[in-house]
Full PDB file with SEQRES, HELIX, SHEET, SSBOND, CRYST1, ORIGX, SCALE, CONECT and MASTER records, all heavy atoms in Angstrom:
SEQRES   1 A   36  ASP LEU ASN ALA ALA THR ALA LEU LEU GLN LYS MET GLN          
SEQRES   2 A   36  HIS ALA THR GLY ALA PRO LEU ALA THR VAL ALA MET PRO          
SEQRES   3 A   36  LEU TYR SER GLU LEU PHE GLN GLY GLY GLN                      
HELIX    1 AA1 LEU A    2  THR A   16  1                                  15    
HELIX    2 AA2 LEU A   20  ALA A   24  1                                   5    
HELIX    3 AA3 MET A   25  TYR A   28  5                                   4    
HELIX    4 AA4 SER A   29  PHE A   32  1                                   4    
CRYST1    1.000    1.000    1.000  90.00  90.00  90.00 P 1           1          
ORIGX1      1.000000  0.000000  0.000000        0.00000                         
ORIGX2      0.000000  1.000000  0.000000        0.00000                         
ORIGX3      0.000000  0.000000  1.000000        0.00000                         
SCALE1      1.000000  0.000000  0.000000        0.00000                         
SCALE2      0.000000  1.000000  0.000000        0.00000                         
SCALE3      0.000000  0.000000  1.000000        0.00000                         
ATOM      1  N   ASP A   1      38.258 -55.736  -5.280  1.00  0.00           N  
ATOM      2  CA  ASP A   1      36.811 -55.609  -5.290  1.00  0.00           C  
ATOM      3  C   ASP A   1      36.301 -55.472  -6.725  1.00  0.00           C  
ATOM      4  O   ASP A   1      35.315 -56.109  -7.113  1.00  0.00           O  
ATOM      5  CB  ASP A   1      36.364 -54.379  -4.488  1.00  0.00           C  
ATOM      6  CG  ASP A   1      36.683 -54.473  -3.012  1.00  0.00           C  
ATOM      7  OD1 ASP A   1      36.745 -55.602  -2.466  1.00  0.00           O  
ATOM      8  OD2 ASP A   1      36.913 -53.407  -2.396  1.00  0.00           O  
ATOM      9  N   LEU A   2      36.948 -54.599  -7.488  1.00  0.00           N  
ATOM     10  CA  LEU A   2      36.534 -54.396  -8.885  1.00  0.00           C  
ATOM     11  C   LEU A   2      36.701 -55.675  -9.697  1.00  0.00           C  
ATOM     12  O   LEU A   2      35.844 -56.022 -10.511  1.00  0.00           O  
ATOM     13  CB  LEU A   2      37.347 -53.273  -9.516  1.00  0.00           C  
ATOM     14  CG  LEU A   2      36.999 -51.870  -9.069  1.00  0.00           C  
ATOM     15  CD1 LEU A   2      37.948 -50.859  -9.712  1.00  0.00           C  
ATOM     16  CD2 LEU A   2      35.562 -51.523  -9.438  1.00  0.00           C  
ATOM     17  N   ASN A   3      37.802 -56.393  -9.471  1.00  0.00           N  
ATOM     18  CA  ASN A   3      38.020 -57.646 -10.190  1.00  0.00           C  
ATOM     19  C   ASN A   3      36.951 -58.682  -9.836  1.00  0.00           C  
ATOM     20  O   ASN A   3      36.477 -59.419 -10.705  1.00  0.00           O  
ATOM     21  CB  ASN A   3      39.410 -58.187  -9.898  1.00  0.00           C  
ATOM     22  CG  ASN A   3      40.490 -57.402 -10.591  1.00  0.00           C  
ATOM     23  OD1 ASN A   3      40.249 -56.776 -11.627  1.00  0.00           O  
ATOM     24  ND2 ASN A   3      41.673 -57.398 -10.029  1.00  0.00           N  
ATOM     25  N   ALA A   4      36.557 -58.739  -8.575  1.00  0.00           N  
ATOM     26  CA  ALA A   4      35.519 -59.689  -8.161  1.00  0.00           C  
ATOM     27  C   ALA A   4      34.189 -59.350  -8.816  1.00  0.00           C  
ATOM     28  O   ALA A   4      33.476 -60.232  -9.314  1.00  0.00           O  
ATOM     29  CB  ALA A   4      35.384 -59.683  -6.637  1.00  0.00           C  
ATOM     30  N   ALA A   5      33.825 -58.060  -8.835  1.00  0.00           N  
ATOM     31  CA  ALA A   5      32.559 -57.640  -9.453  1.00  0.00           C  
ATOM     32  C   ALA A   5      32.600 -57.895 -10.961  1.00  0.00           C  
ATOM     33  O   ALA A   5      31.611 -58.378 -11.549  1.00  0.00           O  
ATOM     34  CB  ALA A   5      32.297 -56.167  -9.164  1.00  0.00           C  
ATOM     35  N   THR A   6      33.728 -57.605 -11.590  1.00  0.00           N  
ATOM     36  CA  THR A   6      33.871 -57.832 -13.013  1.00  0.00           C  
ATOM     37  C   THR A   6      33.768 -59.313 -13.341  1.00  0.00           C  
ATOM     38  O   THR A   6      33.108 -59.708 -14.302  1.00  0.00           O  
ATOM     39  CB  THR A   6      35.213 -57.270 -13.508  1.00  0.00           C  
ATOM     40  OG1 THR A   6      35.255 -55.865 -13.234  1.00  0.00           O  
ATOM     41  CG2 THR A   6      35.408 -57.491 -15.002  1.00  0.00           C  
ATOM     42  N   ALA A   7      34.429 -60.146 -12.559  1.00  0.00           N  
ATOM     43  CA  ALA A   7      34.377 -61.592 -12.786  1.00  0.00           C  
ATOM     44  C   ALA A   7      32.955 -62.124 -12.685  1.00  0.00           C  
ATOM     45  O   ALA A   7      32.538 -62.945 -13.488  1.00  0.00           O  
ATOM     46  CB  ALA A   7      35.307 -62.318 -11.780  1.00  0.00           C  
ATOM     47  N   LEU A   8      32.202 -61.609 -11.706  1.00  0.00           N  
ATOM     48  CA  LEU A   8      30.815 -62.030 -11.547  1.00  0.00           C  
ATOM     49  C   LEU A   8      29.993 -61.669 -12.783  1.00  0.00           C  
ATOM     50  O   LEU A   8      29.256 -62.490 -13.322  1.00  0.00           O  
ATOM     51  CB  LEU A   8      30.199 -61.395 -10.307  1.00  0.00           C  
ATOM     52  CG  LEU A   8      28.708 -61.606 -10.112  1.00  0.00           C  
ATOM     53  CD1 LEU A   8      28.388 -63.091  -9.936  1.00  0.00           C  
ATOM     54  CD2 LEU A   8      28.196 -60.794  -8.950  1.00  0.00           C  
ATOM     55  N   LEU A   9      30.132 -60.421 -13.245  1.00  0.00           N  
ATOM     56  CA  LEU A   9      29.383 -59.994 -14.425  1.00  0.00           C  
ATOM     57  C   LEU A   9      29.797 -60.785 -15.655  1.00  0.00           C  
ATOM     58  O   LEU A   9      28.950 -61.150 -16.490  1.00  0.00           O  
ATOM     59  CB  LEU A   9      29.554 -58.488 -14.648  1.00  0.00           C  
ATOM     60  CG  LEU A   9      28.898 -57.601 -13.591  1.00  0.00           C  
ATOM     61  CD1 LEU A   9      29.295 -56.145 -13.810  1.00  0.00           C  
ATOM     62  CD2 LEU A   9      27.392 -57.761 -13.614  1.00  0.00           C  
ATOM     63  N   GLN A  10      31.094 -61.061 -15.793  1.00  0.00           N  
ATOM     64  CA  GLN A  10      31.557 -61.837 -16.948  1.00  0.00           C  
ATOM     65  C   GLN A  10      31.025 -63.267 -16.910  1.00  0.00           C  
ATOM     66  O   GLN A  10      30.657 -63.819 -17.947  1.00  0.00           O  
ATOM     67  CB  GLN A  10      33.077 -61.809 -17.009  1.00  0.00           C  
ATOM     68  CG  GLN A  10      33.615 -60.463 -17.441  1.00  0.00           C  
ATOM     69  CD  GLN A  10      35.132 -60.384 -17.385  1.00  0.00           C  
ATOM     70  OE1 GLN A  10      35.776 -61.098 -16.598  1.00  0.00           O  
ATOM     71  NE2 GLN A  10      35.700 -59.521 -18.192  1.00  0.00           N  
ATOM     72  N   LYS A  11      30.956 -63.861 -15.723  1.00  0.00           N  
ATOM     73  CA  LYS A  11      30.394 -65.207 -15.598  1.00  0.00           C  
ATOM     74  C   LYS A  11      28.923 -65.213 -15.992  1.00  0.00           C  
ATOM     75  O   LYS A  11      28.451 -66.117 -16.675  1.00  0.00           O  
ATOM     76  CB  LYS A  11      30.567 -65.747 -14.186  1.00  0.00           C  
ATOM     77  CG  LYS A  11      31.971 -66.157 -13.860  1.00  0.00           C  
ATOM     78  CD  LYS A  11      32.107 -66.663 -12.444  1.00  0.00           C  
ATOM     79  CE  LYS A  11      33.535 -67.008 -12.111  1.00  0.00           C  
ATOM     80  NZ  LYS A  11      33.735 -67.457 -10.757  1.00  0.00           N  
ATOM     81  N   MET A  12      28.206 -64.172 -15.561  1.00  0.00           N  
ATOM     82  CA  MET A  12      26.784 -64.087 -15.912  1.00  0.00           C  
ATOM     83  C   MET A  12      26.628 -63.892 -17.419  1.00  0.00           C  
ATOM     84  O   MET A  12      25.750 -64.489 -18.032  1.00  0.00           O  
ATOM     85  CB  MET A  12      26.137 -62.927 -15.148  1.00  0.00           C  
ATOM     86  CG  MET A  12      26.026 -63.183 -13.650  1.00  0.00           C  
ATOM     87  SD  MET A  12      25.547 -61.740 -12.680  1.00  0.00           S  
ATOM     88  CE  MET A  12      23.944 -61.331 -13.396  1.00  0.00           C  
ATOM     89  N   GLN A  13      27.485 -63.074 -17.997  1.00  0.00           N  
ATOM     90  CA  GLN A  13      27.428 -62.835 -19.438  1.00  0.00           C  
ATOM     91  C   GLN A  13      27.733 -64.124 -20.201  1.00  0.00           C  
ATOM     92  O   GLN A  13      27.034 -64.469 -21.153  1.00  0.00           O  
ATOM     93  CB  GLN A  13      28.426 -61.747 -19.822  1.00  0.00           C  
ATOM     94  CG  GLN A  13      28.413 -61.445 -21.310  1.00  0.00           C  
ATOM     95  CD  GLN A  13      29.511 -60.467 -21.714  1.00  0.00           C  
ATOM     96  OE1 GLN A  13      30.546 -60.372 -21.079  1.00  0.00           O  
ATOM     97  NE2 GLN A  13      29.244 -59.736 -22.764  1.00  0.00           N  
ATOM     98  N   HIS A  14      28.747 -64.832 -19.780  1.00  0.00           N  
ATOM     99  CA  HIS A  14      29.125 -66.078 -20.442  1.00  0.00           C  
ATOM    100  C   HIS A  14      28.010 -67.119 -20.346  1.00  0.00           C  
ATOM    101  O   HIS A  14      27.696 -67.806 -21.305  1.00  0.00           O  
ATOM    102  CB  HIS A  14      30.422 -66.635 -19.832  1.00  0.00           C  
ATOM    103  CG  HIS A  14      30.878 -67.913 -20.459  1.00  0.00           C  
ATOM    104  ND1 HIS A  14      31.386 -67.974 -21.735  1.00  0.00           N  
ATOM    105  CD2 HIS A  14      30.885 -69.176 -19.980  1.00  0.00           C  
ATOM    106  CE1 HIS A  14      31.682 -69.229 -22.023  1.00  0.00           C  
ATOM    107  NE2 HIS A  14      31.388 -69.975 -20.973  1.00  0.00           N  
ATOM    108  N   ALA A  15      27.385 -67.201 -19.176  1.00  0.00           N  
ATOM    109  CA  ALA A  15      26.323 -68.186 -18.964  1.00  0.00           C  
ATOM    110  C   ALA A  15      25.084 -67.896 -19.806  1.00  0.00           C  
ATOM    111  O   ALA A  15      24.405 -68.802 -20.248  1.00  0.00           O  
ATOM    112  CB  ALA A  15      25.956 -68.244 -17.478  1.00  0.00           C  
ATOM    113  N   THR A  16      24.802 -66.606 -20.001  1.00  0.00           N  
ATOM    114  CA  THR A  16      23.585 -66.234 -20.721  1.00  0.00           C  
ATOM    115  C   THR A  16      23.821 -65.910 -22.189  1.00  0.00           C  
ATOM    116  O   THR A  16      22.896 -65.977 -22.990  1.00  0.00           O  
ATOM    117  CB  THR A  16      22.924 -65.008 -20.087  1.00  0.00           C  
ATOM    118  OG1 THR A  16      23.813 -63.878 -20.207  1.00  0.00           O  
ATOM    119  CG2 THR A  16      22.584 -65.250 -18.626  1.00  0.00           C  
ATOM    120  N   GLY A  17      25.041 -65.515 -22.528  1.00  0.00           N  
ATOM    121  CA  GLY A  17      25.342 -65.098 -23.902  1.00  0.00           C  
ATOM    122  C   GLY A  17      24.795 -63.715 -24.214  1.00  0.00           C  
ATOM    123  O   GLY A  17      24.863 -63.264 -25.346  1.00  0.00           O  
ATOM    124  N   ALA A  18      24.289 -63.038 -23.203  1.00  0.00           N  
ATOM    125  CA  ALA A  18      23.691 -61.699 -23.411  1.00  0.00           C  
ATOM    126  C   ALA A  18      24.771 -60.626 -23.327  1.00  0.00           C  
ATOM    127  O   ALA A  18      25.815 -60.837 -22.723  1.00  0.00           O  
ATOM    128  CB  ALA A  18      22.634 -61.449 -22.334  1.00  0.00           C  
ATOM    129  N   PRO A  19      24.524 -59.472 -23.934  1.00  0.00           N  
ATOM    130  CA  PRO A  19      25.458 -58.361 -23.803  1.00  0.00           C  
ATOM    131  C   PRO A  19      25.612 -57.973 -22.325  1.00  0.00           C  
ATOM    132  O   PRO A  19      24.682 -58.136 -21.522  1.00  0.00           O  
ATOM    133  CB  PRO A  19      24.794 -57.221 -24.573  1.00  0.00           C  
ATOM    134  CG  PRO A  19      23.854 -57.888 -25.508  1.00  0.00           C  
ATOM    135  CD  PRO A  19      23.390 -59.139 -24.805  1.00  0.00           C  
ATOM    136  N   LEU A  20      26.782 -57.468 -21.990  1.00  0.00           N  
ATOM    137  CA  LEU A  20      27.091 -57.147 -20.597  1.00  0.00           C  
ATOM    138  C   LEU A  20      26.094 -56.177 -19.994  1.00  0.00           C  
ATOM    139  O   LEU A  20      25.669 -56.353 -18.855  1.00  0.00           O  
ATOM    140  CB  LEU A  20      28.516 -56.569 -20.503  1.00  0.00           C  
ATOM    141  CG  LEU A  20      29.052 -56.391 -19.101  1.00  0.00           C  
ATOM    142  CD1 LEU A  20      29.003 -57.682 -18.306  1.00  0.00           C  
ATOM    143  CD2 LEU A  20      30.483 -55.869 -19.153  1.00  0.00           C  
ATOM    144  N   ALA A  21      25.679 -55.170 -20.741  1.00  0.00           N  
ATOM    145  CA  ALA A  21      24.697 -54.202 -20.211  1.00  0.00           C  
ATOM    146  C   ALA A  21      23.386 -54.905 -19.861  1.00  0.00           C  
ATOM    147  O   ALA A  21      22.759 -54.577 -18.852  1.00  0.00           O  
ATOM    148  CB  ALA A  21      24.464 -53.088 -21.212  1.00  0.00           C  
ATOM    149  N   THR A  22      22.979 -55.856 -20.675  1.00  0.00           N  
ATOM    150  CA  THR A  22      21.739 -56.588 -20.422  1.00  0.00           C  
ATOM    151  C   THR A  22      21.878 -57.457 -19.178  1.00  0.00           C  
ATOM    152  O   THR A  22      20.935 -57.586 -18.385  1.00  0.00           O  
ATOM    153  CB  THR A  22      21.388 -57.467 -21.646  1.00  0.00           C  
ATOM    154  OG1 THR A  22      21.261 -56.621 -22.796  1.00  0.00           O  
ATOM    155  CG2 THR A  22      20.091 -58.219 -21.438  1.00  0.00           C  
ATOM    156  N   VAL A  23      23.056 -58.024 -18.978  1.00  0.00           N  
ATOM    157  CA  VAL A  23      23.307 -58.860 -17.809  1.00  0.00           C  
ATOM    158  C   VAL A  23      23.282 -58.011 -16.539  1.00  0.00           C  
ATOM    159  O   VAL A  23      22.705 -58.400 -15.519  1.00  0.00           O  
ATOM    160  CB  VAL A  23      24.670 -59.568 -17.954  1.00  0.00           C  
ATOM    161  CG1 VAL A  23      25.088 -60.219 -16.640  1.00  0.00           C  
ATOM    162  CG2 VAL A  23      24.622 -60.596 -19.060  1.00  0.00           C  
ATOM    163  N   ALA A  24      23.885 -56.833 -16.593  1.00  0.00           N  
ATOM    164  CA  ALA A  24      24.006 -55.988 -15.394  1.00  0.00           C  
ATOM    165  C   ALA A  24      22.718 -55.261 -15.045  1.00  0.00           C  
ATOM    166  O   ALA A  24      22.465 -54.971 -13.885  1.00  0.00           O  
ATOM    167  CB  ALA A  24      25.134 -54.980 -15.592  1.00  0.00           C  
ATOM    168  N   MET A  25      21.898 -54.945 -16.025  1.00  0.00           N  
ATOM    169  CA  MET A  25      20.722 -54.105 -15.797  1.00  0.00           C  
ATOM    170  C   MET A  25      19.801 -54.612 -14.694  1.00  0.00           C  
ATOM    171  O   MET A  25      19.392 -53.814 -13.850  1.00  0.00           O  
ATOM    172  CB  MET A  25      19.928 -53.924 -17.096  1.00  0.00           C  
ATOM    173  CG  MET A  25      18.883 -52.846 -16.997  1.00  0.00           C  
ATOM    174  SD  MET A  25      19.531 -51.204 -16.573  1.00  0.00           S  
ATOM    175  CE  MET A  25      20.507 -50.843 -18.005  1.00  0.00           C  
ATOM    176  N   PRO A  26      19.464 -55.914 -14.615  1.00  0.00           N  
ATOM    177  CA  PRO A  26      18.569 -56.333 -13.531  1.00  0.00           C  
ATOM    178  C   PRO A  26      19.159 -56.099 -12.144  1.00  0.00           C  
ATOM    179  O   PRO A  26      18.422 -55.891 -11.186  1.00  0.00           O  
ATOM    180  CB  PRO A  26      18.389 -57.847 -13.785  1.00  0.00           C  
ATOM    181  CG  PRO A  26      18.681 -58.024 -15.223  1.00  0.00           C  
ATOM    182  CD  PRO A  26      19.717 -56.998 -15.565  1.00  0.00           C  
ATOM    183  N   LEU A  27      20.480 -56.122 -12.035  1.00  0.00           N  
ATOM    184  CA  LEU A  27      21.115 -55.888 -10.742  1.00  0.00           C  
ATOM    185  C   LEU A  27      20.925 -54.457 -10.264  1.00  0.00           C  
ATOM    186  O   LEU A  27      20.954 -54.172  -9.076  1.00  0.00           O  
ATOM    187  CB  LEU A  27      22.622 -56.183 -10.835  1.00  0.00           C  
ATOM    188  CG  LEU A  27      22.993 -57.603 -11.229  1.00  0.00           C  
ATOM    189  CD1 LEU A  27      24.495 -57.722 -11.437  1.00  0.00           C  
ATOM    190  CD2 LEU A  27      22.528 -58.576 -10.154  1.00  0.00           C  
ATOM    191  N   TYR A  28      20.729 -53.562 -11.209  1.00  0.00           N  
ATOM    192  CA  TYR A  28      20.634 -52.130 -10.887  1.00  0.00           C  
ATOM    193  C   TYR A  28      19.317 -51.512 -11.317  1.00  0.00           C  
ATOM    194  O   TYR A  28      19.200 -50.306 -11.435  1.00  0.00           O  
ATOM    195  CB  TYR A  28      21.796 -51.380 -11.527  1.00  0.00           C  
ATOM    196  CG  TYR A  28      23.132 -52.002 -11.183  1.00  0.00           C  
ATOM    197  CD1 TYR A  28      23.833 -52.742 -12.114  1.00  0.00           C  
ATOM    198  CD2 TYR A  28      23.632 -51.890  -9.902  1.00  0.00           C  
ATOM    199  CE1 TYR A  28      25.040 -53.339 -11.767  1.00  0.00           C  
ATOM    200  CE2 TYR A  28      24.844 -52.484  -9.556  1.00  0.00           C  
ATOM    201  CZ  TYR A  28      25.538 -53.204 -10.505  1.00  0.00           C  
ATOM    202  OH  TYR A  28      26.709 -53.808 -10.159  1.00  0.00           O  
ATOM    203  N   SER A  29      18.305 -52.351 -11.535  1.00  0.00           N  
ATOM    204  CA  SER A  29      17.040 -51.853 -12.065  1.00  0.00           C  
ATOM    205  C   SER A  29      16.405 -50.795 -11.190  1.00  0.00           C  
ATOM    206  O   SER A  29      15.777 -49.867 -11.681  1.00  0.00           O  
ATOM    207  CB  SER A  29      16.063 -53.003 -12.305  1.00  0.00           C  
ATOM    208  OG  SER A  29      15.788 -53.668 -11.092  1.00  0.00           O  
ATOM    209  N   GLU A  30      16.579 -50.907  -9.856  1.00  0.00           N  
ATOM    210  CA  GLU A  30      15.964 -49.909  -8.992  1.00  0.00           C  
ATOM    211  C   GLU A  30      16.505 -48.510  -9.240  1.00  0.00           C  
ATOM    212  O   GLU A  30      15.823 -47.523  -9.027  1.00  0.00           O  
ATOM    213  CB  GLU A  30      16.110 -50.294  -7.510  1.00  0.00           C  
ATOM    214  CG  GLU A  30      17.525 -50.236  -6.969  1.00  0.00           C  
ATOM    215  CD  GLU A  30      18.339 -51.511  -7.220  1.00  0.00           C  
ATOM    216  OE1 GLU A  30      17.847 -52.439  -7.865  1.00  0.00           O  
ATOM    217  OE2 GLU A  30      19.484 -51.549  -6.753  1.00  0.00           O  
ATOM    218  N   LEU A  31      17.735 -48.419  -9.723  1.00  0.00           N  
ATOM    219  CA  LEU A  31      18.296 -47.111 -10.054  1.00  0.00           C  
ATOM    220  C   LEU A  31      17.570 -46.477 -11.232  1.00  0.00           C  
ATOM    221  O   LEU A  31      17.438 -45.266 -11.301  1.00  0.00           O  
ATOM    222  CB  LEU A  31      19.777 -47.225 -10.421  1.00  0.00           C  
ATOM    223  CG  LEU A  31      20.721 -47.663  -9.311  1.00  0.00           C  
ATOM    224  CD1 LEU A  31      22.113 -47.902  -9.874  1.00  0.00           C  
ATOM    225  CD2 LEU A  31      20.753 -46.652  -8.200  1.00  0.00           C  
ATOM    226  N   PHE A  32      17.111 -47.313 -12.137  1.00  0.00           N  
ATOM    227  CA  PHE A  32      16.511 -46.812 -13.366  1.00  0.00           C  
ATOM    228  C   PHE A  32      14.994 -46.773 -13.294  1.00  0.00           C  
ATOM    229  O   PHE A  32      14.348 -46.292 -14.224  1.00  0.00           O  
ATOM    230  CB  PHE A  32      16.969 -47.660 -14.551  1.00  0.00           C  
ATOM    231  CG  PHE A  32      18.450 -47.609 -14.734  1.00  0.00           C  
ATOM    232  CD1 PHE A  32      19.264 -48.601 -14.223  1.00  0.00           C  
ATOM    233  CD2 PHE A  32      19.043 -46.516 -15.358  1.00  0.00           C  
ATOM    234  CE1 PHE A  32      20.642 -48.528 -14.355  1.00  0.00           C  
ATOM    235  CE2 PHE A  32      20.408 -46.448 -15.489  1.00  0.00           C  
ATOM    236  CZ  PHE A  32      21.226 -47.444 -15.001  1.00  0.00           C  
ATOM    237  N   GLN A  33      14.424 -47.261 -12.200  1.00  0.00           N  
ATOM    238  CA  GLN A  33      12.978 -47.246 -12.038  1.00  0.00           C  
ATOM    239  C   GLN A  33      12.551 -46.328 -10.939  1.00  0.00           C  
ATOM    240  O   GLN A  33      11.397 -46.371 -10.500  1.00  0.00           O  
ATOM    241  CB  GLN A  33      12.469 -48.671 -11.744  1.00  0.00           C  
ATOM    242  CG  GLN A  33      12.718 -49.639 -12.857  1.00  0.00           C  
ATOM    243  CD  GLN A  33      12.357 -51.054 -12.458  1.00  0.00           C  
ATOM    244  OE1 GLN A  33      11.940 -51.326 -11.350  1.00  0.00           O  
ATOM    245  NE2 GLN A  33      12.544 -51.992 -13.394  1.00  0.00           N  
ATOM    246  N   GLY A  34      13.438 -45.495 -10.459  1.00  0.00           N  
ATOM    247  CA  GLY A  34      13.078 -44.568  -9.387  1.00  0.00           C  
ATOM    248  C   GLY A  34      12.631 -45.266  -8.112  1.00  0.00           C  
ATOM    249  O   GLY A  34      11.788 -44.752  -7.387  1.00  0.00           O  
ATOM    250  N   GLY A  35      13.184 -46.452  -7.867  1.00  0.00           N  
ATOM    251  CA  GLY A  35      12.824 -47.182  -6.649  1.00  0.00           C  
ATOM    252  C   GLY A  35      11.506 -47.925  -6.738  1.00  0.00           C  
ATOM    253  O   GLY A  35      11.037 -48.468  -5.777  1.00  0.00           O  
ATOM    254  N   GLN A  36      10.876 -47.929  -7.926  1.00  0.00           N  
ATOM    255  CA  GLN A  36       9.586 -48.602  -8.092  1.00  0.00           C  
ATOM    256  C   GLN A  36       9.778 -50.030  -8.549  1.00  0.00           C  
ATOM    257  O   GLN A  36      10.772 -50.365  -9.169  1.00  0.00           O  
ATOM    258  CB  GLN A  36       8.759 -47.847  -9.124  1.00  0.00           C  
ATOM    259  CG  GLN A  36       8.503 -46.402  -8.759  1.00  0.00           C  
ATOM    260  CD  GLN A  36       7.859 -45.643  -9.899  1.00  0.00           C  
ATOM    261  OE1 GLN A  36       7.537 -46.210 -10.922  1.00  0.00           O  
ATOM    262  NE2 GLN A  36       7.673 -44.349  -9.712  1.00  0.00           N  
TER     263      GLN A  36                                                      
MASTER        0    0    0    4    0    0    0    6  262    1    0    3          
END                                                                             
């Protein structure tokens, strides 16, 4: 499971050239926006 999630994030990072944190943040934005 961890390898699959990591591979997905790495593919997104490679496709965009963005730092990993920047790639992952939209996936988890609701955590950082208090559900808003």
